[in-house]
Amino acid sequence: MANITEKTDHGLMLRVRIAPNSSSCSINGIFTDAKGLDYLKISVNAVPEKGKANKELIAFLAKFLRLAKSRFQIISGETDRFKRVFIEAAGEEIFEIEKKLNGKA
């Protein structure tokens, strides 16, 4: 099982490698960088300009996880393919989110 999330006091930190300007929005497995960190590979339709790809990433994750978009925040990587996305969650919900993400990865 890939280690793409980190638990925090208020939710989960998700590592994502985004592929903008794709033909469809989808999860495409796991990418491991040179340091050995795992990232969830996600393709989005939007182009990487003026935050369009970031907005679509948040919308895609919100729909996939069935959570409000307001519960997601890009913590780092605003202009990079490698991003850290915070997902506000608590208790059993964290387990359910990890289960969905790892099941798709």
PDB file of N, CA and C in Angstrom:
ATOM      1  N   MET A   1       0.844  -1.181   0.000  1.00  0.00           N
ATOM      2  CA  MET A   1       0.000   0.000   0.000  1.00  0.00           C
ATOM      3  C   MET A   1       0.888   1.243   0.000  1.00  0.00           C
ATOM      4  N   ALA A   2       0.570   2.196  -0.829  1.00  0.00           N
ATOM      5  CA  ALA A   2       1.353   3.431  -0.936  1.00  0.00           C
ATOM      6  C   ALA A   2       1.080   4.337   0.261  1.00  0.00           C
ATOM      7  N   ASN A   3       2.071   5.127   0.603  1.00  0.00           N
ATOM      8  CA  ASN A   3       1.943   6.068   1.704  1.00  0.00           C
ATOM      9  C   ASN A   3       1.798   7.476   1.128  1.00  0.00           C
ATOM     10  N   ILE A   4       0.587   7.824   0.702  1.00  0.00           N
ATOM     11  CA  ILE A   4       0.334   9.107   0.044  1.00  0.00           C
ATOM     12  C   ILE A   4      -0.273  10.138   0.984  1.00  0.00           C
ATOM     13  N   THR A   5      -0.631   9.727   2.208  1.00  0.00           N
ATOM     14  CA  THR A   5      -1.258  10.641   3.166  1.00  0.00           C
ATOM     15  C   THR A   5      -0.473  10.678   4.470  1.00  0.00           C
ATOM     16  N   GLU A   6      -0.657  11.784   5.174  1.00  0.00           N
ATOM     17  CA  GLU A   6      -0.124  11.943   6.523  1.00  0.00           C
ATOM     18  C   GLU A   6      -1.263  12.465   7.390  1.00  0.00           C
ATOM     19  N   LYS A   7      -1.478  11.848   8.540  1.00  0.00           N
ATOM     20  CA  LYS A   7      -2.519  12.323   9.449  1.00  0.00           C
ATOM     21  C   LYS A   7      -2.018  13.550  10.201  1.00  0.00           C
ATOM     22  N   THR A   8      -2.909  14.513  10.386  1.00  0.00           N
ATOM     23  CA  THR A   8      -2.612  15.707  11.172  1.00  0.00           C
ATOM     24  C   THR A   8      -3.676  15.809  12.267  1.00  0.00           C
ATOM     25  N   ASP A   9      -3.570  16.838  13.096  1.00  0.00           N
ATOM     26  CA  ASP A   9      -4.558  17.031  14.169  1.00  0.00           C
ATOM     27  C   ASP A   9      -5.960  17.322  13.644  1.00  0.00           C
ATOM     28  N   HIS A  10      -6.051  17.879  12.436  1.00  0.00           N
ATOM     29  CA  HIS A  10      -7.353  18.305  11.924  1.00  0.00           C
ATOM     30  C   HIS A  10      -7.746  17.655  10.606  1.00  0.00           C
ATOM     31  N   GLY A  11      -7.003  16.629  10.173  1.00  0.00           N
ATOM     32  CA  GLY A  11      -7.355  15.980   8.919  1.00  0.00           C
ATOM     33  C   GLY A  11      -6.204  15.211   8.316  1.00  0.00           C
ATOM     34  N   LEU A  12      -6.136  15.253   7.000  1.00  0.00           N
ATOM     35  CA  LEU A  12      -5.112  14.520   6.244  1.00  0.00           C
ATOM     36  C   LEU A  12      -4.359  15.456   5.321  1.00  0.00           C
ATOM     37  N   MET A  13      -3.070  15.167   5.151  1.00  0.00           N
ATOM     38  CA  MET A  13      -2.265  15.844   4.156  1.00  0.00           C
ATOM     39  C   MET A  13      -2.051  14.823   3.046  1.00  0.00           C
ATOM     40  N   LEU A  14      -2.444  15.172   1.828  1.00  0.00           N
ATOM     41  CA  LEU A  14      -2.361  14.286   0.671  1.00  0.00           C
ATOM     42  C   LEU A  14      -1.298  14.798  -0.281  1.00  0.00           C
ATOM     43  N   ARG A  15      -0.396  13.903  -0.707  1.00  0.00           N
ATOM     44  CA  ARG A  15       0.606  14.262  -1.717  1.00  0.00           C
ATOM     45  C   ARG A  15       0.065  13.878  -3.087  1.00  0.00           C
ATOM     46  N   VAL A  16       0.089  14.849  -4.016  1.00  0.00           N
ATOM     47  CA  VAL A  16      -0.479  14.673  -5.356  1.00  0.00           C
ATOM     48  C   VAL A  16       0.535  15.093  -6.401  1.00  0.00           C
ATOM     49  N   ARG A  17       0.606  14.330  -7.488  1.00  0.00           N
ATOM     50  CA  ARG A  17       1.340  14.745  -8.689  1.00  0.00           C
ATOM     51  C   ARG A  17       0.279  14.937  -9.762  1.00  0.00           C
ATOM     52  N   ILE A  18       0.126  16.179 -10.209  1.00  0.00           N
ATOM     53  CA  ILE A  18      -0.946  16.525 -11.139  1.00  0.00           C
ATOM     54  C   ILE A  18      -0.427  16.529 -12.578  1.00  0.00           C
ATOM     55  N   ALA A  19      -1.274  16.085 -13.493  1.00  0.00           N
ATOM     56  CA  ALA A  19      -0.989  16.136 -14.929  1.00  0.00           C
ATOM     57  C   ALA A  19      -2.081  16.989 -15.572  1.00  0.00           C
ATOM     58  N   PRO A  20      -1.816  18.294 -15.759  1.00  0.00           N
ATOM     59  CA  PRO A  20      -2.824  19.174 -16.346  1.00  0.00           C
ATOM     60  C   PRO A  20      -2.952  18.964 -17.847  1.00  0.00           C
ATOM     61  N   ASN A  21      -3.992  19.555 -18.417  1.00  0.00           N
ATOM     62  CA  ASN A  21      -4.226  19.531 -19.858  1.00  0.00           C
ATOM     63  C   ASN A  21      -4.415  18.105 -20.394  1.00  0.00           C
ATOM     64  N   SER A  22      -5.046  17.265 -19.601  1.00  0.00           N
ATOM     65  CA  SER A  22      -5.298  15.871 -19.991  1.00  0.00           C
ATOM     66  C   SER A  22      -6.668  15.752 -20.651  1.00  0.00           C
ATOM     67  N   SER A  23      -6.916  14.615 -21.256  1.00  0.00           N
ATOM     68  CA  SER A  23      -8.194  14.416 -21.939  1.00  0.00           C
ATOM     69  C   SER A  23      -9.345  14.141 -20.970  1.00  0.00           C
ATOM     70  N   SER A  24      -9.016  13.719 -19.737  1.00  0.00           N
ATOM     71  CA  SER A  24     -10.058  13.454 -18.744  1.00  0.00           C
ATOM     72  C   SER A  24      -9.505  13.635 -17.337  1.00  0.00           C
ATOM     73  N   CYS A  25     -10.401  13.808 -16.379  1.00  0.00           N
ATOM     74  CA  CYS A  25     -10.016  13.870 -14.972  1.00  0.00           C
ATOM     75  C   CYS A  25     -10.047  12.452 -14.427  1.00  0.00           C
ATOM     76  N   SER A  26      -8.913  12.017 -13.883  1.00  0.00           N
ATOM     77  CA  SER A  26      -8.867  10.656 -13.362  1.00  0.00           C
ATOM     78  C   SER A  26      -7.677  10.462 -12.433  1.00  0.00           C
ATOM     79  N   ILE A  27      -7.763   9.409 -11.628  1.00  0.00           N
ATOM     80  CA  ILE A  27      -6.650   8.984 -10.781  1.00  0.00           C
ATOM     81  C   ILE A  27      -5.917   7.902 -11.546  1.00  0.00           C
ATOM     82  N   ASN A  28      -4.597   8.058 -11.643  1.00  0.00           N
ATOM     83  CA  ASN A  28      -3.795   7.172 -12.485  1.00  0.00           C
ATOM     84  C   ASN A  28      -2.702   6.435 -11.728  1.00  0.00           C
ATOM     85  N   GLY A  29      -2.949   6.062 -10.494  1.00  0.00           N
ATOM     86  CA  GLY A  29      -1.985   5.270  -9.746  1.00  0.00           C
ATOM     87  C   GLY A  29      -1.069   6.099  -8.871  1.00  0.00           C
ATOM     88  N   ILE A  30       0.130   5.557  -8.643  1.00  0.00           N
ATOM     89  CA  ILE A  30       1.092   6.145  -7.719  1.00  0.00           C
ATOM     90  C   ILE A  30       2.369   6.512  -8.462  1.00  0.00           C
ATOM     91  N   PHE A  31       2.950   7.644  -8.093  1.00  0.00           N
ATOM     92  CA  PHE A  31       4.258   8.061  -8.601  1.00  0.00           C
ATOM     93  C   PHE A  31       5.185   8.135  -7.400  1.00  0.00           C
ATOM     94  N   THR A  32       6.367   7.550  -7.514  1.00  0.00           N
ATOM     95  CA  THR A  32       7.369   7.618  -6.455  1.00  0.00           C
ATOM     96  C   THR A  32       8.526   8.485  -6.940  1.00  0.00           C
ATOM     97  N   ASP A  33       8.840   9.529  -6.172  1.00  0.00           N
ATOM     98  CA  ASP A  33       9.916  10.437  -6.587  1.00  0.00           C
ATOM     99  C   ASP A  33      11.289   9.884  -6.200  1.00  0.00           C
ATOM    100  N   ALA A  34      12.334  10.629  -6.524  1.00  0.00           N
ATOM    101  CA  ALA A  34      13.708  10.191  -6.276  1.00  0.00           C
ATOM    102  C   ALA A  34      14.009  10.026  -4.784  1.00  0.00           C
ATOM    103  N   LYS A  35      13.265  10.723  -3.934  1.00  0.00           N
ATOM    104  CA  LYS A  35      13.451  10.627  -2.484  1.00  0.00           C
ATOM    105  C   LYS A  35      12.670   9.467  -1.875  1.00  0.00           C
ATOM    106  N   GLY A  36      11.878   8.782  -2.697  1.00  0.00           N
ATOM    107  CA  GLY A  36      11.079   7.663  -2.219  1.00  0.00           C
ATOM    108  C   GLY A  36       9.703   8.039  -1.708  1.00  0.00           C
ATOM    109  N   LEU A  37       9.289   9.291  -1.892  1.00  0.00           N
ATOM    110  CA  LEU A  37       7.952   9.710  -1.469  1.00  0.00           C
ATOM    111  C   LEU A  37       6.929   9.315  -2.520  1.00  0.00           C
ATOM    112  N   ASP A  38       5.796   8.805  -2.064  1.00  0.00           N
ATOM    113  CA  ASP A  38       4.716   8.408  -2.965  1.00  0.00           C
ATOM    114  C   ASP A  38       3.746   9.571  -3.154  1.00  0.00           C
ATOM    115  N   TYR A  39       3.266   9.729  -4.396  1.00  0.00           N
ATOM    116  CA  TYR A  39       2.301  10.754  -4.758  1.00  0.00           C
ATOM    117  C   TYR A  39       1.166  10.097  -5.523  1.00  0.00           C
ATOM    118  N   LEU A  40      -0.069  10.536  -5.275  1.00  0.00           N
ATOM    119  CA  LEU A  40      -1.213  10.085  -6.040  1.00  0.00           C
ATOM    120  C   LEU A  40      -1.207  10.844  -7.364  1.00  0.00           C
ATOM    121  N   LYS A  41      -1.173  10.125  -8.488  1.00  0.00           N
ATOM    122  CA  LYS A  41      -1.171  10.766  -9.810  1.00  0.00           C
ATOM    123  C   LYS A  41      -2.611  11.069 -10.212  1.00  0.00           C
ATOM    124  N   ILE A  42      -2.867  12.342 -10.498  1.00  0.00           N
ATOM    125  CA  ILE A  42      -4.202  12.767 -10.906  1.00  0.00           C
ATOM    126  C   ILE A  42      -4.089  13.605 -12.174  1.00  0.00           C
ATOM    127  N   SER A  43      -4.890  13.262 -13.175  1.00  0.00           N
ATOM    128  CA  SER A  43      -4.973  14.025 -14.416  1.00  0.00           C
ATOM    129  C   SER A  43      -6.193  14.935 -14.349  1.00  0.00           C
ATOM    130  N   VAL A  44      -6.036  16.163 -14.850  1.00  0.00           N
ATOM    131  CA  VAL A  44      -7.162  17.104 -14.937  1.00  0.00           C
ATOM    132  C   VAL A  44      -7.202  17.708 -16.332  1.00  0.00           C
ATOM    133  N   ASN A  45      -8.372  18.135 -16.748  1.00  0.00           N
ATOM    134  CA  ASN A  45      -8.562  18.731 -18.078  1.00  0.00           C
ATOM    135  C   ASN A  45      -7.964  20.127 -18.187  1.00  0.00           C
ATOM    136  N   ALA A  46      -8.021  20.892 -17.135  1.00  0.00           N
ATOM    137  CA  ALA A  46      -7.662  22.307 -17.168  1.00  0.00           C
ATOM    138  C   ALA A  46      -6.181  22.533 -17.472  1.00  0.00           C
ATOM    139  N   VAL A  47      -5.917  23.697 -18.025  1.00  0.00           N
ATOM    140  CA  VAL A  47      -4.536  24.097 -18.310  1.00  0.00           C
ATOM    141  C   VAL A  47      -3.924  24.708 -17.045  1.00  0.00           C
ATOM    142  N   PRO A  48      -2.600  24.619 -16.911  1.00  0.00           N
ATOM    143  CA  PRO A  48      -1.956  25.129 -15.698  1.00  0.00           C
ATOM    144  C   PRO A  48      -1.682  26.635 -15.742  1.00  0.00           C
ATOM    145  N   GLU A  49      -2.729  27.420 -15.855  1.00  0.00           N
ATOM    146  CA  GLU A  49      -2.554  28.874 -15.838  1.00  0.00           C
ATOM    147  C   GLU A  49      -3.654  29.522 -15.027  1.00  0.00           C
ATOM    148  N   LYS A  50      -3.273  30.534 -14.283  1.00  0.00           N
ATOM    149  CA  LYS A  50      -4.203  31.300 -13.447  1.00  0.00           C
ATOM    150  C   LYS A  50      -4.967  30.427 -12.456  1.00  0.00           C
ATOM    151  N   GLY A  51      -4.347  29.344 -11.990  1.00  0.00           N
ATOM    152  CA  GLY A  51      -4.956  28.491 -10.971  1.00  0.00           C
ATOM    153  C   GLY A  51      -6.058  27.576 -11.458  1.00  0.00           C
ATOM    154  N   LYS A  52      -6.280  27.499 -12.770  1.00  0.00           N
ATOM    155  CA  LYS A  52      -7.376  26.682 -13.305  1.00  0.00           C
ATOM    156  C   LYS A  52      -7.195  25.203 -12.976  1.00  0.00           C
ATOM    157  N   ALA A  53      -5.990  24.675 -13.140  1.00  0.00           N
ATOM    158  CA  ALA A  53      -5.745  23.257 -12.855  1.00  0.00           C
ATOM    159  C   ALA A  53      -5.903  22.972 -11.364  1.00  0.00           C
ATOM    160  N   ASN A  54      -5.466  23.897 -10.515  1.00  0.00           N
ATOM    161  CA  ASN A  54      -5.623  23.718  -9.065  1.00  0.00           C
ATOM    162  C   ASN A  54      -7.097  23.678  -8.671  1.00  0.00           C
ATOM    163  N   LYS A  55      -7.889  24.561  -9.244  1.00  0.00           N
ATOM    164  CA  LYS A  55      -9.328  24.586  -8.949  1.00  0.00           C
ATOM    165  C   LYS A  55      -9.993  23.292  -9.399  1.00  0.00           C
ATOM    166  N   GLU A  56      -9.604  22.808 -10.569  1.00  0.00           N
ATOM    167  CA  GLU A  56     -10.190  21.562 -11.054  1.00  0.00           C
ATOM    168  C   GLU A  56      -9.741  20.372 -10.208  1.00  0.00           C
ATOM    169  N   LEU A  57      -8.501  20.391  -9.744  1.00  0.00           N
ATOM    170  CA  LEU A  57      -8.011  19.335  -8.851  1.00  0.00           C
ATOM    171  C   LEU A  57      -8.873  19.265  -7.593  1.00  0.00           C
ATOM    172  N   ILE A  58      -9.117  20.416  -6.968  1.00  0.00           N
ATOM    173  CA  ILE A  58      -9.940  20.467  -5.751  1.00  0.00           C
ATOM    174  C   ILE A  58     -11.359  19.989  -6.045  1.00  0.00           C
ATOM    175  N   ALA A  59     -11.927  20.430  -7.153  1.00  0.00           N
ATOM    176  CA  ALA A  59     -13.286  20.010  -7.517  1.00  0.00           C
ATOM    177  C   ALA A  59     -13.340  18.496  -7.750  1.00  0.00           C
ATOM    178  N   PHE A  60     -12.326  17.955  -8.418  1.00  0.00           N
ATOM    179  CA  PHE A  60     -12.281  16.516  -8.684  1.00  0.00           C
ATOM    180  C   PHE A  60     -12.168  15.727  -7.385  1.00  0.00           C
ATOM    181  N   LEU A  61     -11.257  16.128  -6.507  1.00  0.00           N
ATOM    182  CA  LEU A  61     -11.094  15.427  -5.229  1.00  0.00           C
ATOM    183  C   LEU A  61     -12.366  15.515  -4.383  1.00  0.00           C
ATOM    184  N   ALA A  62     -12.993  16.692  -4.361  1.00  0.00           N
ATOM    185  CA  ALA A  62     -14.226  16.864  -3.587  1.00  0.00           C
ATOM    186  C   ALA A  62     -15.324  15.936  -4.090  1.00  0.00           C
ATOM    187  N   LYS A  63     -15.468  15.847  -5.398  1.00  0.00           N
ATOM    188  CA  LYS A  63     -16.492  14.974  -5.972  1.00  0.00           C
ATOM    189  C   LYS A  63     -16.151  13.505  -5.708  1.00  0.00           C
ATOM    190  N   PHE A  64     -14.884  13.127  -5.903  1.00  0.00           N
ATOM    191  CA  PHE A  64     -14.463  11.744  -5.706  1.00  0.00           C
ATOM    192  C   PHE A  64     -14.655  11.300  -4.259  1.00  0.00           C
ATOM    193  N   LEU A  65     -14.308  12.168  -3.309  1.00  0.00           N
ATOM    194  CA  LEU A  65     -14.398  11.822  -1.888  1.00  0.00           C
ATOM    195  C   LEU A  65     -15.740  12.191  -1.275  1.00  0.00           C
ATOM    196  N   ARG A  66     -16.595  12.858  -2.049  1.00  0.00           N
ATOM    197  CA  ARG A  66     -17.921  13.294  -1.593  1.00  0.00           C
ATOM    198  C   ARG A  66     -17.823  14.186  -0.355  1.00  0.00           C
ATOM    199  N   LEU A  67     -16.958  15.205  -0.500  1.00  0.00           N
ATOM    200  CA  LEU A  67     -16.762  16.199   0.551  1.00  0.00           C
ATOM    201  C   LEU A  67     -16.917  17.589  -0.070  1.00  0.00           C
ATOM    202  N   ALA A  68     -17.190  18.570   0.759  1.00  0.00           N
ATOM    203  CA  ALA A  68     -17.309  19.944   0.281  1.00  0.00           C
ATOM    204  C   ALA A  68     -15.948  20.471  -0.165  1.00  0.00           C
ATOM    205  N   LYS A  69     -15.933  21.256  -1.241  1.00  0.00           N
ATOM    206  CA  LYS A  69     -14.688  21.839  -1.742  1.00  0.00           C
ATOM    207  C   LYS A  69     -14.013  22.703  -0.678  1.00  0.00           C
ATOM    208  N   SER A  70     -14.802  23.283   0.206  1.00  0.00           N
ATOM    209  CA  SER A  70     -14.247  24.153   1.249  1.00  0.00           C
ATOM    210  C   SER A  70     -13.378  23.389   2.249  1.00  0.00           C
ATOM    211  N   ARG A  71     -13.434  22.066   2.221  1.00  0.00           N
ATOM    212  CA  ARG A  71     -12.641  21.250   3.141  1.00  0.00           C
ATOM    213  C   ARG A  71     -11.262  20.904   2.581  1.00  0.00           C
ATOM    214  N   PHE A  72     -10.939  21.429   1.399  1.00  0.00           N
ATOM    215  CA  PHE A  72      -9.652  21.166   0.750  1.00  0.00           C
ATOM    216  C   PHE A  72      -8.858  22.458   0.643  1.00  0.00           C
ATOM    217  N   GLN A  73      -7.546  22.347   0.808  1.00  0.00           N
ATOM    218  CA  GLN A  73      -6.680  23.509   0.671  1.00  0.00           C
ATOM    219  C   GLN A  73      -5.316  23.054   0.153  1.00  0.00           C
ATOM    220  N   ILE A  74      -4.825  23.709  -0.889  1.00  0.00           N
ATOM    221  CA  ILE A  74      -3.487  23.395  -1.389  1.00  0.00           C
ATOM    222  C   ILE A  74      -2.497  24.109  -0.479  1.00  0.00           C
ATOM    223  N   ILE A  75      -1.683  23.321   0.210  1.00  0.00           N
ATOM    224  CA  ILE A  75      -0.729  23.842   1.186  1.00  0.00           C
ATOM    225  C   ILE A  75       0.579  24.231   0.518  1.00  0.00           C
ATOM    226  N   SER A  76       1.039  23.411  -0.422  1.00  0.00           N
ATOM    227  CA  SER A  76       2.270  23.731  -1.145  1.00  0.00           C
ATOM    228  C   SER A  76       2.165  23.206  -2.571  1.00  0.00           C
ATOM    229  N   GLY A  77       2.930  23.831  -3.467  1.00  0.00           N
ATOM    230  CA  GLY A  77       2.946  23.397  -4.852  1.00  0.00           C
ATOM    231  C   GLY A  77       1.946  24.103  -5.740  1.00  0.00           C
ATOM    232  N   GLU A  78       1.540  25.313  -5.380  1.00  0.00           N
ATOM    233  CA  GLU A  78       0.562  26.062  -6.179  1.00  0.00           C
ATOM    234  C   GLU A  78       0.945  26.106  -7.661  1.00  0.00           C
ATOM    235  N   THR A  79       2.244  26.260  -7.955  1.00  0.00           N
ATOM    236  CA  THR A  79       2.696  26.381  -9.338  1.00  0.00           C
ATOM    237  C   THR A  79       3.556  25.198  -9.763  1.00  0.00           C
ATOM    238  N   ASP A  80       3.461  24.092  -9.055  1.00  0.00           N
ATOM    239  CA  ASP A  80       4.279  22.913  -9.322  1.00  0.00           C
ATOM    240  C   ASP A  80       3.364  21.717  -9.584  1.00  0.00           C
ATOM    241  N   ARG A  81       3.894  20.695 -10.227  1.00  0.00           N
ATOM    242  CA  ARG A  81       3.123  19.464 -10.434  1.00  0.00           C
ATOM    243  C   ARG A  81       2.945  18.692  -9.125  1.00  0.00           C
ATOM    244  N   PHE A  82       3.912  18.830  -8.229  1.00  0.00           N
ATOM    245  CA  PHE A  82       3.873  18.134  -6.942  1.00  0.00           C
ATOM    246  C   PHE A  82       3.231  19.034  -5.906  1.00  0.00           C
ATOM    247  N   LYS A  83       2.123  18.569  -5.333  1.00  0.00           N
ATOM    248  CA  LYS A  83       1.341  19.391  -4.408  1.00  0.00           C
ATOM    249  C   LYS A  83       1.071  18.647  -3.112  1.00  0.00           C
ATOM    250  N   ARG A  84       0.856  19.424  -2.070  1.00  0.00           N
ATOM    251  CA  ARG A  84       0.368  18.884  -0.794  1.00  0.00           C
ATOM    252  C   ARG A  84      -0.997  19.509  -0.568  1.00  0.00           C
ATOM    253  N   VAL A  85      -2.004  18.652  -0.459  1.00  0.00           N
ATOM    254  CA  VAL A  85      -3.383  19.111  -0.300  1.00  0.00           C
ATOM    255  C   VAL A  85      -3.879  18.693   1.079  1.00  0.00           C
ATOM    256  N   PHE A  86      -4.337  19.676   1.858  1.00  0.00           N
ATOM    257  CA  PHE A  86      -4.903  19.387   3.172  1.00  0.00           C
ATOM    258  C   PHE A  86      -6.385  19.098   3.010  1.00  0.00           C
ATOM    259  N   ILE A  87      -6.839  18.012   3.655  1.00  0.00           N
ATOM    260  CA  ILE A  87      -8.256  17.641   3.648  1.00  0.00           C
ATOM    261  C   ILE A  87      -8.744  17.684   5.093  1.00  0.00           C
ATOM    262  N   GLU A  88      -9.665  18.577   5.366  1.00  0.00           N
ATOM    263  CA  GLU A  88     -10.220  18.701   6.716  1.00  0.00           C
ATOM    264  C   GLU A  88     -11.117  17.498   7.001  1.00  0.00           C
ATOM    265  N   ALA A  89     -10.775  16.755   8.057  1.00  0.00           N
ATOM    266  CA  ALA A  89     -11.550  15.564   8.422  1.00  0.00           C
ATOM    267  C   ALA A  89     -11.245  15.209   9.874  1.00  0.00           C
ATOM    268  N   ALA A  90     -12.082  14.337  10.441  1.00  0.00           N
ATOM    269  CA  ALA A  90     -11.869  13.914  11.830  1.00  0.00           C
ATOM    270  C   ALA A  90     -12.348  12.485  12.030  1.00  0.00           C
ATOM    271  N   GLY A  91     -11.746  11.817  13.002  1.00  0.00           N
ATOM    272  CA  GLY A  91     -12.180  10.503  13.443  1.00  0.00           C
ATOM    273  C   GLY A  91     -12.272   9.457  12.350  1.00  0.00           C
ATOM    274  N   GLU A  92     -13.401   8.782  12.299  1.00  0.00           N
ATOM    275  CA  GLU A  92     -13.648   7.689  11.353  1.00  0.00           C
ATOM    276  C   GLU A  92     -13.582   8.164   9.903  1.00  0.00           C
ATOM    277  N   GLU A  93     -13.905   9.413   9.695  1.00  0.00           N
ATOM    278  CA  GLU A  93     -13.887   9.977   8.350  1.00  0.00           C
ATOM    279  C   GLU A  93     -12.483   9.908   7.727  1.00  0.00           C
ATOM    280  N   ILE A  94     -11.444  10.101   8.540  1.00  0.00           N
ATOM    281  CA  ILE A  94     -10.062  10.009   8.047  1.00  0.00           C
ATOM    282  C   ILE A  94      -9.807   8.615   7.499  1.00  0.00           C
ATOM    283  N   PHE A  95     -10.228   7.611   8.221  1.00  0.00           N
ATOM    284  CA  PHE A  95     -10.052   6.221   7.783  1.00  0.00           C
ATOM    285  C   PHE A  95     -10.769   5.984   6.461  1.00  0.00           C
ATOM    286  N   GLU A  96     -11.990   6.488   6.318  1.00  0.00           N
ATOM    287  CA  GLU A  96     -12.768   6.308   5.088  1.00  0.00           C
ATOM    288  C   GLU A  96     -12.110   6.995   3.890  1.00  0.00           C
ATOM    289  N   ILE A  97     -11.576   8.194   4.111  1.00  0.00           N
ATOM    290  CA  ILE A  97     -10.888   8.919   3.036  1.00  0.00           C
ATOM    291  C   ILE A  97      -9.654   8.143   2.586  1.00  0.00           C
ATOM    292  N   GLU A  98      -8.842   7.689   3.544  1.00  0.00           N
ATOM    293  CA  GLU A  98      -7.640   6.918   3.204  1.00  0.00           C
ATOM    294  C   GLU A  98      -8.001   5.648   2.445  1.00  0.00           C
ATOM    295  N   LYS A  99      -9.068   5.000   2.853  1.00  0.00           N
ATOM    296  CA  LYS A  99      -9.520   3.777   2.215  1.00  0.00           C
ATOM    297  C   LYS A  99      -9.890   4.047   0.756  1.00  0.00           C
ATOM    298  N   LYS A 100     -10.632   5.116   0.491  1.00  0.00           N
ATOM    299  CA  LYS A 100     -11.016   5.451  -0.885  1.00  0.00           C
ATOM    300  C   LYS A 100      -9.806   5.796  -1.731  1.00  0.00           C
ATOM    301  N   LEU A 101      -8.895   6.600  -1.179  1.00  0.00           N
ATOM    302  CA  LEU A 101      -7.723   7.022  -1.935  1.00  0.00           C
ATOM    303  C   LEU A 101      -6.795   5.842  -2.236  1.00  0.00           C
ATOM    304  N   ASN A 102      -6.543   5.015  -1.254  1.00  0.00           N
ATOM    305  CA  ASN A 102      -5.651   3.867  -1.465  1.00  0.00           C
ATOM    306  C   ASN A 102      -6.291   2.790  -2.313  1.00  0.00           C
ATOM    307  N   GLY A 103      -7.596   2.702  -2.268  1.00  0.00           N
ATOM    308  CA  GLY A 103      -8.300   1.732  -3.103  1.00  0.00           C
ATOM    309  C   GLY A 103      -8.240   2.079  -4.584  1.00  0.00           C
ATOM    310  N   LYS A 104      -8.134   3.365  -4.863  1.00  0.00           N
ATOM    311  CA  LYS A 104      -8.084   3.854  -6.232  1.00  0.00           C
ATOM    312  C   LYS A 104      -6.645   3.920  -6.759  1.00  0.00           C
ATOM    313  N   ALA A 105      -5.704   3.995  -5.844  1.00  0.00           N
ATOM    314  CA  ALA A 105      -4.293   4.163  -6.237  1.00  0.00           C
ATOM    315  C   ALA A 105      -3.724   2.913  -6.740  1.00  0.00           C
TER     316      ALA A 105
END
